[in-house]
Amino acid sequence: MKPAELGREKLVEFGRQRAKEGAGPVTVGIDLGYIKTILSHAAAVHGIIAPTEGVDLARIALTRLGLVGKGNERDRRPSEEEIDAILKALESNPRQFIPVARVVRFAIATAMRQDEISRARWEDYNPRTKMLLIRDRKDPRRKTGNDQRIPLLSVSGYDPCALIEEQRALVGSRGRIFPYNGRSIGTAFRRVCRTLGIEDLHFHDLRHEATSRLFEAGFTIEQVALVTGHKDWKMLRRYTHIRPEGLHALAASRVA
């Protein structure tokens, strides 16, 4: 598609699709901002016909639709019963060729985003130190070069290193660890939630769940940021939705 053909209608459809995938109003707005920046650069630097009016009109339309705007702080955490039902349904589906249940467990274990999981490569994994390099991690202040090494901790109820070794037995040790289309994973997750009648749960909420479990395990904001990649600790505070029940385990660990 030529830049000049990227008009209001196509961008509105893009915004709808991003929202359907679980992107919030802030994320969709940021995506539109990136598109406008690229179009402006193409026009100014390369002399390409790339009008940005369509982006502005799409932003107005998507704002009216509630798909662009200020973020509503989500506090949706799946219950243990919901997670168990989702995993059971995914694993019992003979038509589910992608091991989405394993991806779900890995997401809860690592707080990694959907696209970060599908991009992780074998050469970025160190089984001896239990570290994983995430390349070009999302950062609103830097578009590229935001690589981060994260520790693979087994404090969330799932062992990420064990899950990676399960993948090794399935796909080998070359290329990507989870060589699957991120959108296909998201589609499968939404489908199983819809089938089970689980409402208002997005794949991205698993990152929220993972982050909250790190806090429940007793890690500080500074330590959790080393896993999640948050540069602004104020942003990280919104993920501290700790269940009251979790205080029992935290108290027991301190006594021990």
Protein backbone atom coordinates (compact mmCIF):
# COMPACT_ATOMS: atom_id res chain seq x y z
CA MET A 1 0.00 0.00 0.00
CA LYS A 2 1.30 3.45 -0.92
CA PRO A 3 1.47 6.08 1.88
CA ALA A 4 -0.97 8.29 -0.03
CA GLU A 5 -3.54 5.48 0.12
CA LEU A 6 -3.41 5.33 3.92
CA GLY A 7 -6.56 7.36 4.48
CA ARG A 8 -9.09 7.85 7.24
CA GLU A 9 -11.13 4.71 6.49
CA LYS A 10 -8.17 2.34 6.58
CA LEU A 11 -6.79 3.93 9.73
CA VAL A 12 -10.14 3.71 11.51
CA GLU A 13 -10.28 0.03 10.61
CA PHE A 14 -6.70 -0.34 11.90
CA GLY A 15 -7.74 1.26 15.20
CA ARG A 16 -10.74 -1.05 15.52
CA GLN A 17 -8.54 -4.08 14.89
CA ARG A 18 -5.95 -2.97 17.44
CA ALA A 19 -8.68 -2.49 20.03
CA LYS A 20 -10.08 -5.92 19.20
CA GLU A 21 -6.64 -7.37 19.88
CA GLY A 22 -6.69 -5.82 23.35
CA ALA A 23 -4.90 -2.50 22.79
CA GLY A 24 -6.22 0.25 25.04
CA PRO A 25 -7.13 3.84 24.10
CA VAL A 26 -3.67 5.13 24.94
CA THR A 27 -1.90 2.43 22.92
CA VAL A 28 -4.09 3.00 19.86
CA GLY A 29 -3.41 6.73 20.13
CA ILE A 30 0.35 6.08 20.32
CA ASP A 31 0.12 3.83 17.25
CA LEU A 32 -1.54 6.64 15.30
CA GLY A 33 1.17 9.01 16.46
CA TYR A 34 3.86 6.67 15.13
CA ILE A 35 2.08 6.43 11.79
CA LYS A 36 1.82 10.21 11.51
CA THR A 37 5.51 10.62 12.38
CA ILE A 38 6.51 8.15 9.67
CA LEU A 39 4.30 9.83 7.07
CA SER A 40 5.65 13.26 7.99
CA HIS A 41 9.22 11.99 7.74
CA ALA A 42 8.54 10.40 4.35
CA ALA A 43 7.11 13.66 3.02
CA ALA A 44 9.75 15.97 4.49
CA VAL A 45 12.89 13.91 3.93
CA HIS A 46 12.10 11.80 0.88
CA GLY A 47 9.55 13.96 -0.89
CA ILE A 48 7.00 11.15 -0.89
CA ILE A 49 3.36 12.13 -1.16
CA ALA A 50 2.16 11.14 2.31
CA PRO A 51 -0.63 13.37 3.63
CA THR A 52 -1.33 13.15 7.35
CA GLU A 53 -4.89 14.50 7.26
CA GLY A 54 -6.26 10.94 7.30
CA VAL A 55 -4.48 10.27 10.59
CA ASP A 56 -6.02 13.35 12.19
CA LEU A 57 -9.50 12.45 10.96
CA ALA A 58 -9.09 8.84 12.09
CA ARG A 59 -8.03 10.02 15.53
CA ILE A 60 -11.19 12.12 15.83
CA ALA A 61 -13.38 9.20 14.72
CA LEU A 62 -11.65 6.69 17.03
CA THR A 63 -11.88 9.13 19.92
CA ARG A 64 -15.64 9.44 19.37
CA LEU A 65 -15.80 5.62 19.36
CA GLY A 66 -13.94 5.49 22.66
CA LEU A 67 -10.97 3.65 21.10
CA VAL A 68 -8.54 6.54 21.51
CA GLY A 69 -8.23 8.62 24.64
CA LYS A 70 -6.87 8.63 28.15
CA GLY A 71 -6.20 5.23 29.57
CA ASN A 72 -8.55 3.67 32.04
CA GLU A 73 -6.46 1.92 34.63
CA ARG A 74 -7.46 -1.71 34.36
CA ASP A 75 -7.44 -3.78 37.51
CA ARG A 76 -8.72 -6.95 35.87
CA ARG A 77 -6.95 -10.00 37.23
CA PRO A 78 -8.11 -13.45 36.21
CA SER A 79 -9.08 -15.71 39.08
CA GLU A 80 -7.30 -19.00 39.61
CA GLU A 81 -10.48 -20.72 38.46
CA GLU A 82 -10.50 -18.71 35.22
CA ILE A 83 -6.85 -19.47 34.51
CA ASP A 84 -7.34 -23.18 35.19
CA ALA A 85 -10.40 -23.27 32.92
CA ILE A 86 -8.56 -21.45 30.12
CA LEU A 87 -5.55 -23.77 30.31
CA LYS A 88 -7.71 -26.88 30.42
CA ALA A 89 -9.79 -25.75 27.44
CA LEU A 90 -6.71 -24.89 25.38
CA GLU A 91 -4.98 -28.18 26.11
CA SER A 92 -8.06 -30.28 25.43
CA ASN A 93 -8.72 -28.73 22.01
CA PRO A 94 -7.39 -31.16 19.36
CA ARG A 95 -7.53 -28.42 16.71
CA GLN A 96 -5.25 -26.12 18.70
CA PHE A 97 -1.86 -26.76 17.10
CA ILE A 98 -0.11 -23.79 18.72
CA PRO A 99 0.70 -24.56 22.39
CA VAL A 100 -1.20 -21.48 23.56
CA ALA A 101 -1.56 -22.89 27.08
CA ARG A 102 2.23 -22.94 27.39
CA VAL A 103 2.41 -19.37 26.07
CA VAL A 104 -0.18 -18.31 28.66
CA ARG A 105 1.88 -19.88 31.45
CA PHE A 106 5.02 -18.24 30.10
CA ALA A 107 3.30 -14.84 30.00
CA ILE A 108 2.26 -15.17 33.64
CA ALA A 109 5.75 -16.32 34.58
CA THR A 110 7.64 -13.51 32.82
CA ALA A 111 5.29 -10.47 32.47
CA MET A 112 6.30 -10.38 28.80
CA ARG A 113 4.02 -8.90 26.18
CA GLN A 114 2.46 -11.02 23.46
CA ASP A 115 4.81 -9.76 20.72
CA GLU A 116 7.87 -10.04 22.97
CA ILE A 117 7.14 -13.71 23.56
CA SER A 118 6.72 -14.46 19.86
CA ARG A 119 9.99 -12.59 19.03
CA ALA A 120 12.24 -14.21 21.67
CA ARG A 121 15.12 -16.17 20.12
CA TRP A 122 17.18 -19.09 21.34
CA GLU A 123 20.46 -17.16 21.18
CA ASP A 124 18.98 -14.64 23.63
CA TYR A 125 18.32 -17.30 26.27
CA ASN A 126 20.96 -18.34 28.79
CA PRO A 127 19.87 -21.47 30.67
CA ARG A 128 22.88 -21.31 33.01
CA THR A 129 22.13 -17.83 34.34
CA LYS A 130 18.38 -18.12 33.72
CA MET A 131 18.36 -14.82 31.83
CA LEU A 132 16.56 -13.78 28.65
CA LEU A 133 17.35 -10.82 26.43
CA ILE A 134 14.30 -8.98 25.12
CA ARG A 135 15.25 -6.95 22.06
CA ASP A 136 13.68 -3.57 21.27
CA ARG A 137 11.33 -3.69 24.22
CA LYS A 138 8.43 -1.29 24.03
CA ASP A 139 9.34 2.15 25.33
CA PRO A 140 7.35 5.29 24.45
CA ARG A 141 10.56 7.34 24.64
CA ARG A 142 12.69 5.08 22.44
CA LYS A 143 11.50 3.25 19.34
CA THR A 144 14.57 1.01 18.92
CA GLY A 145 17.59 -0.12 20.87
CA ASN A 146 15.70 -0.68 24.11
CA ASP A 147 17.13 -4.12 24.79
CA GLN A 148 16.68 -5.55 28.27
CA ARG A 149 17.95 -8.67 30.02
CA ILE A 150 15.39 -10.08 32.41
CA PRO A 151 15.71 -12.79 35.06
CA LEU A 152 13.48 -15.82 34.51
CA LEU A 153 11.98 -16.28 37.96
CA SER A 154 9.85 -19.19 39.09
CA VAL A 155 7.85 -17.35 41.74
CA SER A 156 4.55 -17.00 39.87
CA GLY A 157 3.46 -20.62 40.02
CA TYR A 158 5.12 -21.45 36.69
CA ASP A 159 8.79 -22.10 35.84
CA PRO A 160 9.69 -20.15 32.68
CA CYS A 161 12.91 -22.10 32.11
CA ALA A 162 11.02 -25.39 32.26
CA LEU A 163 8.50 -24.02 29.76
CA ILE A 164 11.34 -23.02 27.43
CA GLU A 165 12.81 -26.52 27.66
CA GLU A 166 9.40 -27.93 26.73
CA GLN A 167 9.56 -25.73 23.65
CA ARG A 168 13.05 -26.99 22.85
CA ALA A 169 11.72 -30.54 22.69
CA LEU A 170 8.96 -29.37 20.37
CA VAL A 171 10.66 -26.92 17.97
CA GLY A 172 14.40 -27.44 18.39
CA SER A 173 16.96 -24.79 19.30
CA ARG A 174 17.14 -22.54 16.26
CA GLY A 175 15.25 -19.37 15.44
CA ARG A 176 12.47 -18.26 17.74
CA ILE A 177 11.61 -19.99 20.99
CA PHE A 178 7.89 -19.53 20.36
CA PRO A 179 7.76 -19.44 16.52
CA TYR A 180 4.10 -18.48 16.29
CA ASN A 181 2.17 -15.50 15.04
CA GLY A 182 1.32 -13.26 17.97
CA ARG A 183 -2.07 -12.41 16.52
CA SER A 184 -2.93 -16.10 16.23
CA ILE A 185 -2.12 -16.52 19.91
CA GLY A 186 -4.33 -13.56 20.79
CA THR A 187 -7.16 -14.88 18.64
CA ALA A 188 -7.01 -18.29 20.31
CA PHE A 189 -7.02 -16.65 23.74
CA ARG A 190 -10.04 -14.50 22.94
CA ARG A 191 -11.87 -17.47 21.45
CA VAL A 192 -11.43 -19.65 24.50
CA CYS A 193 -12.50 -16.82 26.82
CA ARG A 194 -15.61 -16.31 24.73
CA THR A 195 -16.37 -20.04 24.75
CA LEU A 196 -15.98 -20.22 28.52
CA GLY A 197 -18.04 -17.08 29.08
CA ILE A 198 -15.09 -15.23 30.66
CA GLU A 199 -15.76 -11.55 30.13
CA ASP A 200 -13.43 -8.56 29.82
CA LEU A 201 -10.16 -10.50 29.87
CA HIS A 202 -7.39 -9.66 27.41
CA PHE A 203 -4.10 -11.44 26.81
CA HIS A 204 -2.34 -8.27 27.97
CA ASP A 205 -4.02 -8.73 31.36
CA LEU A 206 -1.67 -11.69 31.86
CA ARG A 207 1.18 -9.18 32.05
CA HIS A 208 -0.80 -7.39 34.74
CA GLU A 209 -1.33 -10.71 36.51
CA ALA A 210 2.37 -11.58 36.31
CA THR A 211 3.40 -8.17 37.66
CA SER A 212 0.98 -8.45 40.57
CA ARG A 213 2.33 -11.92 41.40
CA LEU A 214 5.85 -10.50 41.59
CA PHE A 215 4.65 -7.99 44.17
CA GLU A 216 2.85 -10.76 46.04
CA ALA A 217 6.13 -12.67 46.10
CA GLY A 218 7.62 -9.77 48.05
CA PHE A 219 9.64 -7.96 45.39
CA THR A 220 9.96 -4.18 45.56
CA ILE A 221 8.95 -1.78 42.79
CA GLU A 222 12.61 -1.37 41.77
CA GLN A 223 13.05 -5.14 41.55
CA VAL A 224 9.82 -5.74 39.66
CA ALA A 225 10.86 -3.09 37.12
CA LEU A 226 13.90 -5.25 36.29
CA VAL A 227 11.45 -7.87 35.04
CA THR A 228 8.69 -5.78 33.51
CA GLY A 229 10.87 -3.10 31.93
CA HIS A 230 8.94 -0.14 33.35
CA LYS A 231 11.11 2.98 33.34
CA ASP A 232 8.56 5.06 35.22
CA TRP A 233 7.91 3.54 38.63
CA LYS A 234 4.75 5.60 38.94
CA MET A 235 3.33 3.65 35.99
CA LEU A 236 4.26 0.42 37.73
CA ARG A 237 2.22 1.28 40.82
CA ARG A 238 -0.99 0.69 38.88
CA TYR A 239 -0.10 -2.99 38.65
CA THR A 240 0.10 -3.54 42.39
CA HIS A 241 -3.37 -5.03 42.65
CA ILE A 242 -2.43 -7.60 45.27
CA ARG A 243 -5.11 -9.99 46.40
CA PRO A 244 -5.71 -9.98 50.16
CA GLU A 245 -5.20 -13.76 50.21
CA GLY A 246 -1.66 -13.25 48.97
CA LEU A 247 -0.60 -11.68 52.26
CA HIS A 248 -0.69 -15.11 53.92
CA ALA A 249 2.03 -16.50 51.67
CA LEU A 250 4.07 -13.31 51.99
CA ALA A 251 3.84 -13.39 55.78
CA ALA A 252 4.83 -17.08 55.83
CA SER A 253 7.92 -16.40 53.70
CA ARG A 254 9.06 -13.66 56.06
CA VAL A 255 8.65 -15.90 59.10
CA ALA A 256 10.64 -18.63 57.40
